[in-house]
Amino acid sequence: MSQIKSLADLKKKREEIKTGLDVRIKSIDPENHVQVKVAMATCGIASGAKPIMEFFVEQLDRRNIPGVVTQTGCMGYCFAEPTVEIKLPGKDPVVFGYVDLKKADLIIEKYIKEGELIDGIIPVNYETIDSKE
């Protein structure tokens, strides 16, 4: 652990701890927050998923949208990387493919803020156990 030598160091450390706590608090009750999962397997990283993840982290905070951004492994949509899964409170998750910074901004403005579906959704190609009942 680095030593705190100034007021600026102390403020920086406080923000780091606060950010860590914020993520933990949101993860206790994720259903009431926007959940963003960015596929960060080898194919996702090679296609540019890291800046996309950083964009979502920064922009959700900047736009005061309560959300949790996490990375996940392969979602099986390697052909459409970078891929991002968005789960709005009370709704089924939606996976977007070919996400660049422009599309990430559109996802935040149109889908997350307004609930409006936009181009680029990858159709579900599986059934859940619940849907067979």
Protein backbone atom coordinates (compact mmCIF):
# COMPACT_ATOMS: atom_id res chain seq x y z
CA MET A 1 0.00 0.00 0.00
CA SER A 2 1.35 3.41 -0.91
CA GLN A 3 1.89 6.01 1.76
CA ILE A 4 -0.37 9.01 2.00
CA LYS A 5 1.83 12.10 1.97
CA SER A 6 -0.60 14.89 1.11
CA LEU A 7 -4.22 15.92 1.22
CA ALA A 8 -4.48 15.11 -2.49
CA ASP A 9 -3.25 11.55 -1.79
CA LEU A 10 -5.85 11.19 0.97
CA LYS A 11 -8.67 12.41 -1.28
CA LYS A 12 -7.58 10.04 -4.04
CA LYS A 13 -7.53 7.10 -1.62
CA ARG A 14 -10.97 8.06 -0.30
CA GLU A 15 -12.41 8.05 -3.84
CA GLU A 16 -10.86 4.65 -4.57
CA ILE A 17 -12.44 3.15 -1.45
CA LYS A 18 -15.77 4.86 -2.11
CA THR A 19 -15.85 3.49 -5.66
CA GLY A 20 -15.10 -0.01 -4.39
CA LEU A 21 -17.90 0.20 -1.85
CA ASP A 22 -20.33 1.53 -4.44
CA VAL A 23 -19.73 -1.53 -6.64
CA ARG A 24 -20.26 -3.87 -3.67
CA ILE A 25 -23.47 -2.13 -2.61
CA LYS A 26 -24.90 -2.32 -6.13
CA SER A 27 -23.94 -5.99 -6.44
CA ILE A 28 -26.00 -6.85 -3.35
CA ASP A 29 -29.20 -5.87 -5.17
CA PRO A 30 -28.39 -5.94 -8.91
CA GLU A 31 -32.03 -6.24 -9.99
CA ASN A 32 -32.61 -2.56 -9.18
CA HIS A 33 -29.68 -1.36 -11.27
CA VAL A 34 -28.78 -1.38 -14.93
CA GLN A 35 -26.41 -4.28 -15.53
CA VAL A 36 -23.88 -4.03 -18.33
CA LYS A 37 -21.78 -7.08 -19.17
CA VAL A 38 -19.00 -6.66 -21.70
CA ALA A 39 -17.62 -9.84 -23.29
CA MET A 40 -13.91 -9.76 -22.55
CA ALA A 41 -12.73 -13.14 -23.81
CA THR A 42 -9.76 -13.15 -26.19
CA CYS A 43 -11.96 -12.43 -29.21
CA GLY A 44 -13.69 -9.53 -27.44
CA ILE A 45 -10.45 -7.96 -26.28
CA ALA A 46 -8.93 -8.34 -29.76
CA SER A 47 -12.00 -6.62 -31.24
CA GLY A 48 -11.77 -3.61 -28.93
CA ALA A 49 -13.96 -4.48 -25.93
CA LYS A 50 -11.67 -2.84 -23.35
CA PRO A 51 -12.35 0.77 -24.45
CA ILE A 52 -16.05 -0.10 -24.69
CA MET A 53 -16.07 -1.30 -21.09
CA GLU A 54 -14.19 1.80 -19.94
CA PHE A 55 -16.70 3.96 -21.83
CA PHE A 56 -19.69 2.36 -20.09
CA VAL A 57 -18.05 2.70 -16.66
CA GLU A 58 -17.25 6.37 -17.24
CA GLN A 59 -20.50 7.35 -18.96
CA LEU A 60 -22.94 5.65 -16.58
CA ASP A 61 -21.26 7.49 -13.73
CA ARG A 62 -21.11 10.80 -15.64
CA ARG A 63 -24.79 10.56 -16.64
CA ASN A 64 -25.88 9.54 -13.11
CA ILE A 65 -27.30 6.19 -14.22
CA PRO A 66 -27.26 3.65 -11.39
CA GLY A 67 -25.56 0.66 -12.93
CA VAL A 68 -23.01 -2.07 -12.56
CA VAL A 69 -20.53 -2.69 -15.39
CA THR A 70 -18.77 -6.05 -15.35
CA GLN A 71 -16.73 -8.12 -17.71
CA THR A 72 -17.69 -11.61 -18.71
CA GLY A 73 -16.14 -14.37 -20.74
CA CYS A 74 -17.22 -15.55 -24.15
CA MET A 75 -20.94 -15.18 -24.83
CA GLY A 76 -20.66 -17.30 -27.98
CA TYR A 77 -21.08 -14.40 -30.39
CA CYS A 78 -17.47 -14.15 -31.54
CA PHE A 79 -18.60 -13.12 -35.03
CA ALA A 80 -20.17 -9.94 -33.59
CA GLU A 81 -17.52 -8.76 -31.12
CA PRO A 82 -17.39 -6.53 -29.21
CA THR A 83 -20.64 -7.72 -27.63
CA VAL A 84 -22.44 -6.15 -24.68
CA GLU A 85 -25.34 -7.54 -22.66
CA ILE A 86 -27.67 -4.97 -21.08
CA LYS A 87 -30.16 -5.94 -18.37
CA LEU A 88 -32.58 -3.23 -17.37
CA PRO A 89 -34.41 -3.64 -14.04
CA GLY A 90 -37.43 -5.91 -14.50
CA LYS A 91 -36.60 -6.78 -18.13
CA ASP A 92 -34.90 -9.65 -19.95
CA PRO A 93 -31.28 -9.12 -20.98
CA VAL A 94 -30.54 -7.89 -24.51
CA VAL A 95 -27.23 -8.55 -26.29
CA PHE A 96 -25.86 -6.00 -28.73
CA GLY A 97 -23.18 -6.88 -31.27
CA TYR A 98 -20.53 -4.91 -33.14
CA VAL A 99 -20.48 -2.30 -30.37
CA ASP A 100 -18.17 0.63 -30.99
CA LEU A 101 -18.06 3.89 -29.02
CA LYS A 102 -20.79 5.46 -31.15
CA LYS A 103 -23.11 2.49 -30.66
CA ALA A 104 -22.28 2.37 -26.92
CA ASP A 105 -23.38 5.99 -26.64
CA LEU A 106 -26.58 5.18 -28.55
CA ILE A 107 -27.24 2.20 -26.26
CA ILE A 108 -26.99 4.48 -23.22
CA GLU A 109 -29.12 7.28 -24.68
CA LYS A 110 -31.83 5.24 -26.40
CA TYR A 111 -32.01 1.83 -24.72
CA ILE A 112 -30.84 2.41 -21.16
CA LYS A 113 -32.37 5.86 -20.64
CA GLU A 114 -35.53 5.53 -22.76
CA GLY A 115 -36.07 1.76 -23.12
CA GLU A 116 -36.13 2.12 -26.92
CA LEU A 117 -34.73 -0.85 -28.84
CA ILE A 118 -32.05 0.01 -31.37
CA ASP A 119 -30.36 -1.74 -34.28
CA GLY A 120 -27.68 -4.30 -33.48
CA ILE A 121 -29.51 -6.73 -31.18
CA ILE A 122 -28.35 -10.32 -31.47
CA PRO A 123 -31.41 -12.63 -31.45
CA VAL A 124 -31.67 -15.23 -28.70
CA ASN A 125 -30.73 -18.64 -30.03
CA TYR A 126 -31.56 -20.75 -26.99
CA GLU A 127 -34.44 -21.52 -24.64
CA THR A 128 -34.31 -21.15 -20.89
CA ILE A 129 -35.48 -23.93 -18.59
CA ASP A 130 -38.34 -21.70 -17.40
CA SER A 131 -39.74 -21.29 -20.93
CA LYS A 132 -40.27 -25.06 -21.32
CA GLU A 133 -42.81 -25.29 -18.51
